[in-house]
Amino acid sequence: MPDRIEQAKRALRADLRERRQTLSAHAREVAEAGVTQQLDALVARLGARSISCFLSTPTEPGTHAFVAGAVARGIRVLLPISRDDGLLDWSVATPDAEIAEGLFGMPEPVGDVLGPIAVNDVDLLIIPAAAVDRTGMRLGWGRGYYDKTLGSMERCPPVYAVVFDTEFVDDVPRDVHDQPVTGVVTPTRTLAISAHTA
């Protein structure tokens, strides 16, 4: 059974990765502007003063402009740093932070490292995803960092996954360790998903 689920996930990830790579530079710019607008409105609506966010890769919906704007407005933004053990360390974003390539080629901050529990203090988590379905189930990229993080939090604040519009789908393959999200942000809308179904 798990093998069948894993194969379905791999096939869907490959399809989504390929679709992301075919987006034009203009489409990416429009998506980043939309995501920035949606995330700014979400942070304002929730009154979040401390958040976690990821630094997008070139094929993901862009988050760099949002992070820079949030920092400029005095919001504390924690950025993830991948560890070998499958957990995430965190670093506080600064206006002039140096960005380097992390463990898996992901853009990550260079700076003071806070341990995995630093994220327990945020008001909102903004996380990457390959796709999210209508029940809030998130399909990640297969390394399990965010499933581990969300699964270990004592008091989990709202969690919003950022995807392109076409990646908010009817259904994604799920496994027992997969963690749902409370909402989804795309370049054109922000959707709270109230009920999680198993």
N, C-alpha and C. Protein backbone atom coordinates (compact mmCIF):
# COMPACT_ATOMS: atom_id res chain seq x y z
N MET A 1 0.81 -1.21 0.00
CA MET A 1 0.00 0.00 0.00
C MET A 1 0.86 1.27 0.00
N PRO A 2 1.80 1.43 0.97
CA PRO A 2 2.62 2.64 0.96
C PRO A 2 3.38 2.80 -0.37
N ASP A 3 3.81 1.69 -0.97
CA ASP A 3 4.52 1.78 -2.25
C ASP A 3 3.65 2.40 -3.32
N ARG A 4 2.38 2.03 -3.35
CA ARG A 4 1.46 2.57 -4.34
C ARG A 4 1.27 4.08 -4.12
N ILE A 5 1.16 4.47 -2.85
CA ILE A 5 1.01 5.88 -2.51
C ILE A 5 2.27 6.65 -2.93
N GLU A 6 3.43 6.06 -2.62
CA GLU A 6 4.70 6.72 -2.95
C GLU A 6 4.87 6.87 -4.46
N GLN A 7 4.46 5.85 -5.21
CA GLN A 7 4.55 5.93 -6.67
C GLN A 7 3.62 7.02 -7.21
N ALA A 8 2.43 7.11 -6.66
CA ALA A 8 1.48 8.14 -7.09
C ALA A 8 2.03 9.54 -6.78
N LYS A 9 2.64 9.68 -5.61
CA LYS A 9 3.24 10.96 -5.24
C LYS A 9 4.37 11.33 -6.20
N ARG A 10 5.24 10.34 -6.47
CA ARG A 10 6.38 10.60 -7.36
C ARG A 10 5.92 11.04 -8.75
N ALA A 11 4.89 10.36 -9.26
CA ALA A 11 4.37 10.68 -10.60
C ALA A 11 3.78 12.10 -10.61
N LEU A 12 3.02 12.43 -9.58
CA LEU A 12 2.41 13.76 -9.51
C LEU A 12 3.47 14.83 -9.36
N ARG A 13 4.47 14.59 -8.52
CA ARG A 13 5.56 15.57 -8.34
C ARG A 13 6.29 15.81 -9.66
N ALA A 14 6.56 14.74 -10.39
CA ALA A 14 7.28 14.88 -11.67
C ALA A 14 6.47 15.73 -12.64
N ASP A 15 5.16 15.50 -12.69
CA ASP A 15 4.29 16.26 -13.57
C ASP A 15 4.26 17.74 -13.17
N LEU A 16 4.15 18.00 -11.87
CA LEU A 16 4.09 19.37 -11.37
C LEU A 16 5.42 20.09 -11.61
N ARG A 17 6.53 19.38 -11.38
CA ARG A 17 7.86 19.96 -11.59
C ARG A 17 8.03 20.37 -13.05
N GLU A 18 7.59 19.49 -13.95
CA GLU A 18 7.71 19.77 -15.38
C GLU A 18 6.87 20.99 -15.77
N ARG A 19 5.66 21.06 -15.23
CA ARG A 19 4.79 22.21 -15.54
C ARG A 19 5.40 23.52 -15.04
N ARG A 20 6.01 23.47 -13.84
CA ARG A 20 6.62 24.67 -13.29
C ARG A 20 7.79 25.14 -14.16
N GLN A 21 8.54 24.18 -14.70
CA GLN A 21 9.71 24.54 -15.49
C GLN A 21 9.35 25.16 -16.84
N THR A 22 8.12 24.96 -17.30
CA THR A 22 7.74 25.52 -18.60
C THR A 22 7.15 26.94 -18.49
N LEU A 23 7.00 27.45 -17.28
CA LEU A 23 6.46 28.81 -17.11
C LEU A 23 7.43 29.85 -17.64
N SER A 24 6.90 30.86 -18.30
CA SER A 24 7.74 31.93 -18.85
C SER A 24 8.20 32.85 -17.72
N ALA A 25 9.23 33.64 -18.01
CA ALA A 25 9.74 34.61 -17.03
C ALA A 25 8.64 35.61 -16.67
N HIS A 26 7.85 36.01 -17.65
CA HIS A 26 6.77 36.96 -17.39
C HIS A 26 5.71 36.34 -16.46
N ALA A 27 5.36 35.08 -16.71
CA ALA A 27 4.38 34.39 -15.86
C ALA A 27 4.89 34.30 -14.42
N ARG A 28 6.19 34.08 -14.25
CA ARG A 28 6.78 34.02 -12.90
C ARG A 28 6.70 35.37 -12.20
N GLU A 29 6.98 36.45 -12.95
CA GLU A 29 6.91 37.80 -12.37
C GLU A 29 5.49 38.13 -11.92
N VAL A 30 4.53 37.80 -12.77
CA VAL A 30 3.12 38.05 -12.43
C VAL A 30 2.73 37.24 -11.20
N ALA A 31 3.19 35.98 -11.15
CA ALA A 31 2.88 35.10 -10.01
C ALA A 31 3.48 35.67 -8.73
N GLU A 32 4.73 36.13 -8.79
CA GLU A 32 5.36 36.67 -7.58
C GLU A 32 4.63 37.91 -7.09
N ALA A 33 4.24 38.78 -8.01
CA ALA A 33 3.50 39.98 -7.61
C ALA A 33 2.18 39.59 -6.95
N GLY A 34 1.50 38.61 -7.51
CA GLY A 34 0.23 38.15 -6.95
C GLY A 34 0.40 37.51 -5.58
N VAL A 35 1.42 36.66 -5.44
CA VAL A 35 1.69 35.99 -4.16
C VAL A 35 2.04 37.03 -3.10
N THR A 36 2.83 38.02 -3.47
CA THR A 36 3.21 39.07 -2.52
C THR A 36 1.97 39.80 -2.00
N GLN A 37 1.09 40.15 -2.92
CA GLN A 37 -0.14 40.85 -2.56
C GLN A 37 -1.02 39.98 -1.65
N GLN A 38 -1.17 38.71 -1.99
CA GLN A 38 -1.99 37.79 -1.19
C GLN A 38 -1.40 37.59 0.21
N LEU A 39 -0.07 37.38 0.28
CA LEU A 39 0.57 37.14 1.58
C LEU A 39 0.54 38.40 2.45
N ASP A 40 0.76 39.57 1.84
CA ASP A 40 0.68 40.83 2.61
C ASP A 40 -0.71 40.97 3.25
N ALA A 41 -1.74 40.68 2.46
CA ALA A 41 -3.12 40.79 2.97
C ALA A 41 -3.38 39.76 4.07
N LEU A 42 -2.86 38.55 3.90
CA LEU A 42 -3.04 37.50 4.91
C LEU A 42 -2.39 37.88 6.23
N VAL A 43 -1.16 38.36 6.16
CA VAL A 43 -0.43 38.77 7.37
C VAL A 43 -1.19 39.91 8.07
N ALA A 44 -1.68 40.87 7.30
CA ALA A 44 -2.42 41.99 7.88
C ALA A 44 -3.72 41.50 8.52
N ARG A 45 -4.43 40.61 7.82
CA ARG A 45 -5.71 40.10 8.34
C ARG A 45 -5.52 39.34 9.65
N LEU A 46 -4.44 38.55 9.74
CA LEU A 46 -4.19 37.76 10.95
C LEU A 46 -3.49 38.57 12.04
N GLY A 47 -3.01 39.76 11.68
CA GLY A 47 -2.27 40.58 12.65
C GLY A 47 -0.97 39.92 13.06
N ALA A 48 -0.36 39.15 12.17
CA ALA A 48 0.87 38.41 12.49
C ALA A 48 2.05 39.36 12.63
N ARG A 49 2.79 39.23 13.72
CA ARG A 49 3.99 40.04 13.95
C ARG A 49 5.25 39.20 13.82
N SER A 50 5.09 37.89 13.86
CA SER A 50 6.23 36.98 13.73
C SER A 50 5.76 35.82 12.86
N ILE A 51 6.48 35.56 11.77
CA ILE A 51 6.06 34.52 10.83
C ILE A 51 7.26 33.68 10.41
N SER A 52 6.99 32.53 9.82
CA SER A 52 8.06 31.82 9.11
C SER A 52 7.66 31.78 7.65
N CYS A 53 8.66 31.86 6.79
CA CYS A 53 8.41 31.78 5.36
C CYS A 53 9.63 31.11 4.74
N PHE A 54 9.49 30.63 3.52
CA PHE A 54 10.60 30.01 2.80
C PHE A 54 11.07 30.97 1.71
N LEU A 55 12.32 30.82 1.30
CA LEU A 55 12.83 31.58 0.16
C LEU A 55 12.61 30.71 -1.07
N SER A 56 11.84 31.21 -2.01
CA SER A 56 11.47 30.40 -3.18
C SER A 56 12.65 30.14 -4.10
N THR A 57 12.59 28.99 -4.77
CA THR A 57 13.53 28.68 -5.86
C THR A 57 12.98 29.35 -7.12
N PRO A 58 13.76 29.38 -8.20
CA PRO A 58 13.28 30.03 -9.43
C PRO A 58 11.99 29.42 -10.00
N THR A 59 11.70 28.16 -9.70
CA THR A 59 10.49 27.55 -10.27
C THR A 59 9.28 27.63 -9.34
N GLU A 60 9.47 28.09 -8.11
CA GLU A 60 8.34 28.19 -7.16
C GLU A 60 7.67 29.55 -7.27
N PRO A 61 6.41 29.65 -6.80
CA PRO A 61 5.80 30.98 -6.72
C PRO A 61 6.69 31.85 -5.84
N GLY A 62 7.08 33.02 -6.34
CA GLY A 62 8.10 33.83 -5.68
C GLY A 62 7.70 34.39 -4.32
N THR A 63 8.62 34.26 -3.35
CA THR A 63 8.37 34.80 -2.01
C THR A 63 9.39 35.86 -1.60
N HIS A 64 10.43 36.08 -2.40
CA HIS A 64 11.51 36.99 -2.00
C HIS A 64 11.01 38.42 -1.77
N ALA A 65 10.16 38.93 -2.68
CA ALA A 65 9.65 40.30 -2.53
C ALA A 65 8.79 40.41 -1.27
N PHE A 66 7.99 39.39 -1.01
CA PHE A 66 7.15 39.39 0.19
C PHE A 66 8.02 39.44 1.45
N VAL A 67 9.05 38.58 1.52
CA VAL A 67 9.93 38.53 2.70
C VAL A 67 10.60 39.89 2.91
N ALA A 68 11.13 40.48 1.83
CA ALA A 68 11.81 41.78 1.95
C ALA A 68 10.84 42.85 2.46
N GLY A 69 9.63 42.84 1.94
CA GLY A 69 8.63 43.83 2.36
C GLY A 69 8.21 43.65 3.80
N ALA A 70 8.04 42.39 4.22
CA ALA A 70 7.65 42.10 5.60
C ALA A 70 8.73 42.56 6.58
N VAL A 71 9.99 42.27 6.25
CA VAL A 71 11.11 42.68 7.11
C VAL A 71 11.14 44.21 7.20
N ALA A 72 10.95 44.88 6.06
CA ALA A 72 10.97 46.34 6.04
C ALA A 72 9.85 46.93 6.90
N ARG A 73 8.73 46.20 7.04
CA ARG A 73 7.62 46.68 7.87
C ARG A 73 7.77 46.29 9.34
N GLY A 74 8.89 45.67 9.70
CA GLY A 74 9.14 45.34 11.10
C GLY A 74 8.58 43.99 11.54
N ILE A 75 8.18 43.16 10.59
CA ILE A 75 7.70 41.82 10.95
C ILE A 75 8.90 40.89 11.11
N ARG A 76 8.89 40.09 12.14
CA ARG A 76 9.98 39.12 12.35
C ARG A 76 9.71 37.92 11.45
N VAL A 77 10.65 37.65 10.55
CA VAL A 77 10.48 36.55 9.60
C VAL A 77 11.58 35.51 9.83
N LEU A 78 11.17 34.29 10.15
CA LEU A 78 12.12 33.19 10.28
C LEU A 78 12.21 32.45 8.95
N LEU A 79 13.43 32.21 8.50
CA LEU A 79 13.67 31.49 7.25
C LEU A 79 14.29 30.13 7.58
N PRO A 80 13.88 29.07 6.87
CA PRO A 80 14.36 27.73 7.19
C PRO A 80 15.76 27.43 6.66
N ILE A 81 16.46 26.59 7.42
CA ILE A 81 17.77 26.07 7.02
C ILE A 81 17.71 24.56 7.18
N SER A 82 17.93 23.82 6.08
CA SER A 82 17.85 22.35 6.10
C SER A 82 18.99 21.73 6.90
N ARG A 83 18.67 20.69 7.62
CA ARG A 83 19.67 19.92 8.37
C ARG A 83 19.72 18.50 7.83
N ASP A 84 20.85 17.84 8.08
CA ASP A 84 21.03 16.44 7.64
C ASP A 84 20.03 15.49 8.29
N ASP A 85 19.57 15.81 9.51
CA ASP A 85 18.71 14.89 10.25
C ASP A 85 17.23 15.03 9.89
N GLY A 86 16.92 15.85 8.89
CA GLY A 86 15.53 15.99 8.46
C GLY A 86 14.75 17.06 9.20
N LEU A 87 15.42 17.76 10.12
CA LEU A 87 14.76 18.86 10.83
C LEU A 87 15.17 20.19 10.20
N LEU A 88 14.47 21.24 10.57
CA LEU A 88 14.79 22.58 10.07
C LEU A 88 15.31 23.46 11.19
N ASP A 89 16.45 24.12 10.95
CA ASP A 89 16.89 25.22 11.79
C ASP A 89 16.27 26.47 11.20
N TRP A 90 16.41 27.60 11.91
CA TRP A 90 15.79 28.84 11.44
C TRP A 90 16.76 30.00 11.62
N SER A 91 16.60 31.02 10.80
CA SER A 91 17.40 32.23 10.92
C SER A 91 16.48 33.42 10.71
N VAL A 92 16.69 34.49 11.46
CA VAL A 92 15.85 35.68 11.33
C VAL A 92 16.27 36.45 10.08
N ALA A 93 15.32 36.74 9.21
CA ALA A 93 15.61 37.49 7.98
C ALA A 93 16.00 38.92 8.32
N THR A 94 17.00 39.43 7.61
CA THR A 94 17.42 40.82 7.76
C THR A 94 17.46 41.46 6.37
N PRO A 95 17.41 42.80 6.30
CA PRO A 95 17.37 43.46 4.99
C PRO A 95 18.57 43.13 4.10
N ASP A 96 19.73 42.90 4.72
CA ASP A 96 20.94 42.69 3.92
C ASP A 96 21.46 41.25 4.04
N ALA A 97 20.59 40.31 4.39
CA ALA A 97 21.02 38.93 4.63
C ALA A 97 21.64 38.32 3.38
N GLU A 98 22.71 37.58 3.61
CA GLU A 98 23.35 36.85 2.52
C GLU A 98 22.56 35.55 2.32
N ILE A 99 22.36 35.18 1.06
CA ILE A 99 21.64 33.95 0.74
C ILE A 99 22.61 32.99 0.06
N ALA A 100 22.61 31.75 0.50
CA ALA A 100 23.49 30.75 -0.09
C ALA A 100 22.67 29.51 -0.45
N GLU A 101 23.30 28.59 -1.14
CA GLU A 101 22.62 27.35 -1.51
C GLU A 101 22.69 26.37 -0.34
N GLY A 102 21.53 25.89 0.09
CA GLY A 102 21.48 24.95 1.21
C GLY A 102 21.71 23.52 0.77
N LEU A 103 21.41 22.59 1.67
CA LEU A 103 21.65 21.16 1.44
C LEU A 103 21.16 20.64 0.10
N PHE A 104 19.95 20.99 -0.28
CA PHE A 104 19.36 20.43 -1.50
C PHE A 104 19.26 21.47 -2.61
N GLY A 105 20.16 22.46 -2.57
CA GLY A 105 20.15 23.49 -3.60
C GLY A 105 19.10 24.56 -3.37
N MET A 106 18.49 24.55 -2.17
CA MET A 106 17.46 25.55 -1.86
C MET A 106 18.15 26.83 -1.38
N PRO A 107 17.57 28.00 -1.72
CA PRO A 107 18.14 29.24 -1.19
C PRO A 107 17.88 29.33 0.32
N GLU A 108 18.96 29.54 1.07
CA GLU A 108 18.84 29.61 2.53
C GLU A 108 19.68 30.76 3.06
N PRO A 109 19.27 31.35 4.18
CA PRO A 109 20.01 32.50 4.73
C PRO A 109 21.33 32.07 5.36
N VAL A 110 22.28 32.98 5.34
CA VAL A 110 23.54 32.78 6.06
C VAL A 110 23.47 33.75 7.23
N GLY A 111 23.51 33.23 8.43
CA GLY A 111 23.40 34.11 9.60
C GLY A 111 23.30 33.31 10.87
N ASP A 112 22.92 33.96 11.94
CA ASP A 112 22.78 33.27 13.23
C ASP A 112 21.72 32.18 13.10
N VAL A 113 22.08 30.99 13.55
CA VAL A 113 21.18 29.84 13.43
C VAL A 113 20.44 29.61 14.74
N LEU A 114 19.11 29.54 14.62
CA LEU A 114 18.26 29.20 15.76
C LEU A 114 17.83 27.75 15.57
N GLY A 115 17.62 27.02 16.64
CA GLY A 115 17.24 25.61 16.55
C GLY A 115 15.83 25.40 16.05
N PRO A 116 15.44 24.12 15.88
CA PRO A 116 14.12 23.78 15.35
C PRO A 116 12.95 24.35 16.16
N ILE A 117 13.11 24.52 17.47
CA ILE A 117 11.97 24.97 18.28
C ILE A 117 11.69 26.47 18.14
N ALA A 118 12.58 27.21 17.48
CA ALA A 118 12.37 28.65 17.30
C ALA A 118 11.04 28.94 16.61
N VAL A 119 10.62 28.03 15.76
CA VAL A 119 9.39 28.25 14.99
C VAL A 119 8.13 28.15 15.85
N ASN A 120 8.27 27.61 17.07
CA ASN A 120 7.11 27.49 17.96
C ASN A 120 6.51 28.84 18.35
N ASP A 121 7.26 29.93 18.17
CA ASP A 121 6.80 31.25 18.59
C ASP A 121 6.12 32.06 17.51
N VAL A 122 6.01 31.55 16.28
CA VAL A 122 5.46 32.37 15.20
C VAL A 122 3.93 32.39 15.22
N ASP A 123 3.36 33.43 14.60
CA ASP A 123 1.91 33.57 14.49
C ASP A 123 1.35 32.92 13.22
N LEU A 124 2.24 32.63 12.27
CA LEU A 124 1.82 32.12 10.97
C LEU A 124 2.99 31.41 10.31
N LEU A 125 2.72 30.23 9.74
CA LEU A 125 3.74 29.53 8.94
C LEU A 125 3.33 29.59 7.48
N ILE A 126 4.27 29.99 6.63
CA ILE A 126 4.06 30.01 5.18
C ILE A 126 5.05 29.01 4.60
N ILE A 127 4.53 27.96 3.98
CA ILE A 127 5.39 26.85 3.59
C ILE A 127 5.23 26.51 2.10
N PRO A 128 6.26 25.87 1.53
CA PRO A 128 6.17 25.47 0.12
C PRO A 128 5.35 24.20 -0.03
N ALA A 129 4.90 23.93 -1.23
CA ALA A 129 4.19 22.69 -1.53
C ALA A 129 4.26 22.44 -3.03
N ALA A 130 4.07 21.18 -3.39
CA ALA A 130 3.95 20.84 -4.81
C ALA A 130 2.48 21.01 -5.22
N ALA A 131 1.59 20.66 -4.30
CA ALA A 131 0.14 20.79 -4.53
C ALA A 131 -0.57 20.70 -3.19
N VAL A 132 -1.79 21.23 -3.16
CA VAL A 132 -2.66 21.14 -1.98
C VAL A 132 -4.04 20.76 -2.48
N ASP A 133 -4.72 19.86 -1.74
CA ASP A 133 -6.07 19.50 -2.18
C ASP A 133 -7.13 20.22 -1.35
N ARG A 134 -8.38 19.98 -1.72
CA ARG A 134 -9.48 20.75 -1.13
C ARG A 134 -9.72 20.45 0.34
N THR A 135 -9.14 19.35 0.85
CA THR A 135 -9.28 19.05 2.28
C THR A 135 -8.13 19.65 3.09
N GLY A 136 -7.17 20.29 2.39
CA GLY A 136 -6.01 20.85 3.09
C GLY A 136 -4.82 19.91 3.11
N MET A 137 -4.93 18.76 2.47
CA MET A 137 -3.79 17.85 2.44
C MET A 137 -2.74 18.42 1.49
N ARG A 138 -1.50 18.44 1.96
CA ARG A 138 -0.39 19.03 1.21
C ARG A 138 0.50 17.93 0.65
N LEU A 139 0.88 18.08 -0.60
CA LEU A 139 1.90 17.22 -1.20
C LEU A 139 3.18 18.03 -1.23
N GLY A 140 4.18 17.57 -0.47
CA GLY A 140 5.48 18.25 -0.48
C GLY A 140 6.36 17.68 -1.58
N TRP A 141 7.65 17.97 -1.47
CA TRP A 141 8.59 17.50 -2.50
C TRP A 141 9.31 16.22 -2.09
N GLY A 142 8.89 15.63 -0.95
CA GLY A 142 9.36 14.28 -0.64
C GLY A 142 10.43 14.14 0.42
N ARG A 143 10.89 15.24 0.99
CA ARG A 143 11.94 15.10 2.01
C ARG A 143 11.39 15.12 3.43
N GLY A 144 10.14 15.55 3.59
CA GLY A 144 9.47 15.45 4.88
C GLY A 144 9.81 16.52 5.91
N TYR A 145 10.57 17.53 5.53
CA TYR A 145 10.96 18.56 6.50
C TYR A 145 9.75 19.24 7.16
N TYR A 146 8.80 19.65 6.34
CA TYR A 146 7.66 20.38 6.90
C TYR A 146 6.68 19.46 7.61
N ASP A 147 6.53 18.21 7.14
CA ASP A 147 5.68 17.27 7.87
C ASP A 147 6.24 17.04 9.27
N LYS A 148 7.58 16.90 9.38
CA LYS A 148 8.21 16.71 10.70
C LYS A 148 8.02 17.95 11.56
N THR A 149 8.22 19.12 10.96
CA THR A 149 8.10 20.37 11.72
C THR A 149 6.68 20.54 12.25
N LEU A 150 5.70 20.40 11.37
CA LEU A 150 4.30 20.59 11.78
C LEU A 150 3.87 19.52 12.78
N GLY A 151 4.32 18.30 12.58
CA GLY A 151 3.95 17.19 13.46
C GLY A 151 4.53 17.32 14.85
N SER A 152 5.61 18.11 15.00
CA SER A 152 6.28 18.22 16.31
C SER A 152 5.88 19.48 17.08
N MET A 153 5.09 20.36 16.47
CA MET A 153 4.75 21.61 17.15
C MET A 153 3.68 21.40 18.21
N GLU A 154 3.92 21.97 19.39
CA GLU A 154 2.96 21.84 20.49
C GLU A 154 1.68 22.61 20.17
N ARG A 155 1.86 23.86 19.75
CA ARG A 155 0.71 24.72 19.46
C ARG A 155 0.93 25.27 18.06
N CYS A 156 0.30 24.67 17.10
CA CYS A 156 0.55 25.04 15.72
C CYS A 156 -0.32 26.23 15.30
N PRO A 157 0.31 27.32 14.84
CA PRO A 157 -0.47 28.45 14.35
C PRO A 157 -1.04 28.13 12.96
N PRO A 158 -1.75 29.05 12.34
CA PRO A 158 -2.22 28.79 10.97
C PRO A 158 -1.04 28.47 10.04
N VAL A 159 -1.25 27.52 9.15
CA VAL A 159 -0.22 27.10 8.19
C VAL A 159 -0.79 27.26 6.79
N TYR A 160 -0.16 28.12 5.99
CA TYR A 160 -0.61 28.35 4.61
C TYR A 160 0.47 27.89 3.64
N ALA A 161 0.08 27.06 2.68
CA ALA A 161 1.01 26.59 1.65
C ALA A 161 0.87 27.48 0.41
N VAL A 162 1.99 27.78 -0.22
CA VAL A 162 2.01 28.63 -1.41
C VAL A 162 2.17 27.75 -2.65
N VAL A 163 1.22 27.85 -3.57
CA VAL A 163 1.26 27.07 -4.82
C VAL A 163 0.74 27.94 -5.97
N PHE A 164 0.99 27.49 -7.18
CA PHE A 164 0.37 28.14 -8.33
C PHE A 164 -1.11 27.76 -8.36
N ASP A 165 -1.92 28.55 -9.05
CA ASP A 165 -3.37 28.31 -9.10
C ASP A 165 -3.73 26.89 -9.52
N THR A 166 -3.02 26.36 -10.51
CA THR A 166 -3.34 25.02 -11.03
C THR A 166 -2.95 23.90 -10.08
N GLU A 167 -2.23 24.25 -8.99
CA GLU A 167 -1.75 23.23 -8.05
C GLU A 167 -2.67 23.09 -6.83
N PHE A 168 -3.75 23.84 -6.82
CA PHE A 168 -4.80 23.61 -5.81
C PHE A 168 -5.77 22.65 -6.49
N VAL A 169 -5.73 21.39 -6.06
CA VAL A 169 -6.38 20.30 -6.80
C VAL A 169 -7.45 19.61 -5.95
N ASP A 170 -8.20 18.71 -6.58
CA ASP A 170 -9.26 17.98 -5.88
C ASP A 170 -8.71 17.02 -4.84
N ASP A 171 -7.60 16.37 -5.17
CA ASP A 171 -7.12 15.29 -4.30
C ASP A 171 -5.63 15.05 -4.52
N VAL A 172 -4.88 14.84 -3.43
CA VAL A 172 -3.48 14.42 -3.55
C VAL A 172 -3.30 13.10 -2.79
N PRO A 173 -2.36 12.27 -3.25
CA PRO A 173 -2.10 11.02 -2.52
C PRO A 173 -1.60 11.36 -1.12
N ARG A 174 -2.04 10.61 -0.11
CA ARG A 174 -1.62 10.93 1.25
C ARG A 174 -1.16 9.68 2.01
N ASP A 175 -0.25 9.93 2.93
CA ASP A 175 0.28 8.87 3.78
C ASP A 175 0.03 9.26 5.23
N VAL A 176 0.25 8.35 6.16
CA VAL A 176 -0.11 8.63 7.56
C VAL A 176 0.68 9.79 8.16
N HIS A 177 1.93 9.99 7.73
CA HIS A 177 2.74 11.05 8.33
C HIS A 177 2.50 12.42 7.69
N ASP A 178 1.74 12.49 6.61
CA ASP A 178 1.50 13.75 5.92
C ASP A 178 0.65 14.69 6.78
N GLN A 179 1.08 15.95 6.83
CA GLN A 179 0.40 16.94 7.67
C GLN A 179 -0.43 17.89 6.80
N PRO A 180 -1.67 18.15 7.19
CA PRO A 180 -2.51 19.09 6.42
C PRO A 180 -2.13 20.54 6.72
N VAL A 181 -2.61 21.43 5.87
CA VAL A 181 -2.43 22.87 6.09
C VAL A 181 -3.80 23.49 6.36
N THR A 182 -3.78 24.70 6.93
CA THR A 182 -5.05 25.37 7.24
C THR A 182 -5.50 26.29 6.12
N GLY A 183 -4.62 26.49 5.14
CA GLY A 183 -5.01 27.35 4.04
C GLY A 183 -4.02 27.28 2.89
N VAL A 184 -4.40 27.89 1.79
CA VAL A 184 -3.56 27.89 0.59
C VAL A 184 -3.52 29.30 0.03
N VAL A 185 -2.34 29.68 -0.46
CA VAL A 185 -2.15 30.98 -1.10
C VAL A 185 -1.68 30.73 -2.53
N THR A 186 -2.37 31.31 -3.48
CA THR A 186 -1.96 31.25 -4.89
C THR A 186 -1.76 32.69 -5.36
N PRO A 187 -1.27 32.89 -6.58
CA PRO A 187 -1.10 34.26 -7.07
C PRO A 187 -2.42 35.04 -7.19
N THR A 188 -3.57 34.36 -7.18
CA THR A 188 -4.83 35.08 -7.36
C THR A 188 -5.78 35.02 -6.17
N ARG A 189 -5.49 34.15 -5.18
CA ARG A 189 -6.43 34.05 -4.06
C ARG A 189 -5.79 33.41 -2.83
N THR A 190 -6.43 33.65 -1.70
CA THR A 190 -6.05 33.02 -0.44
C THR A 190 -7.29 32.31 0.07
N LEU A 191 -7.13 31.05 0.39
CA LEU A 191 -8.27 30.24 0.79
C LEU A 191 -8.01 29.57 2.13
N ALA A 192 -8.87 29.83 3.11
CA ALA A 192 -8.78 29.11 4.38
C ALA A 192 -9.55 27.81 4.21
N ILE A 193 -8.94 26.73 4.67
CA ILE A 193 -9.59 25.41 4.59
C ILE A 193 -9.94 25.04 6.01
N SER A 194 -11.23 25.10 6.32
CA SER A 194 -11.64 24.99 7.71
C SER A 194 -11.57 23.58 8.26
N ALA A 195 -12.07 22.61 7.52
CA ALA A 195 -12.14 21.25 8.08
C ALA A 195 -11.11 20.35 7.42
N HIS A 196 -10.37 19.64 8.25
CA HIS A 196 -9.45 18.64 7.71
C HIS A 196 -10.15 17.30 7.76
N THR A 197 -10.16 16.61 6.66
CA THR A 197 -10.74 15.27 6.68
C THR A 197 -9.62 14.25 6.50
N ALA A 198 -9.78 13.13 7.13
CA ALA A 198 -8.72 12.12 7.10
C ALA A 198 -8.65 11.45 5.74
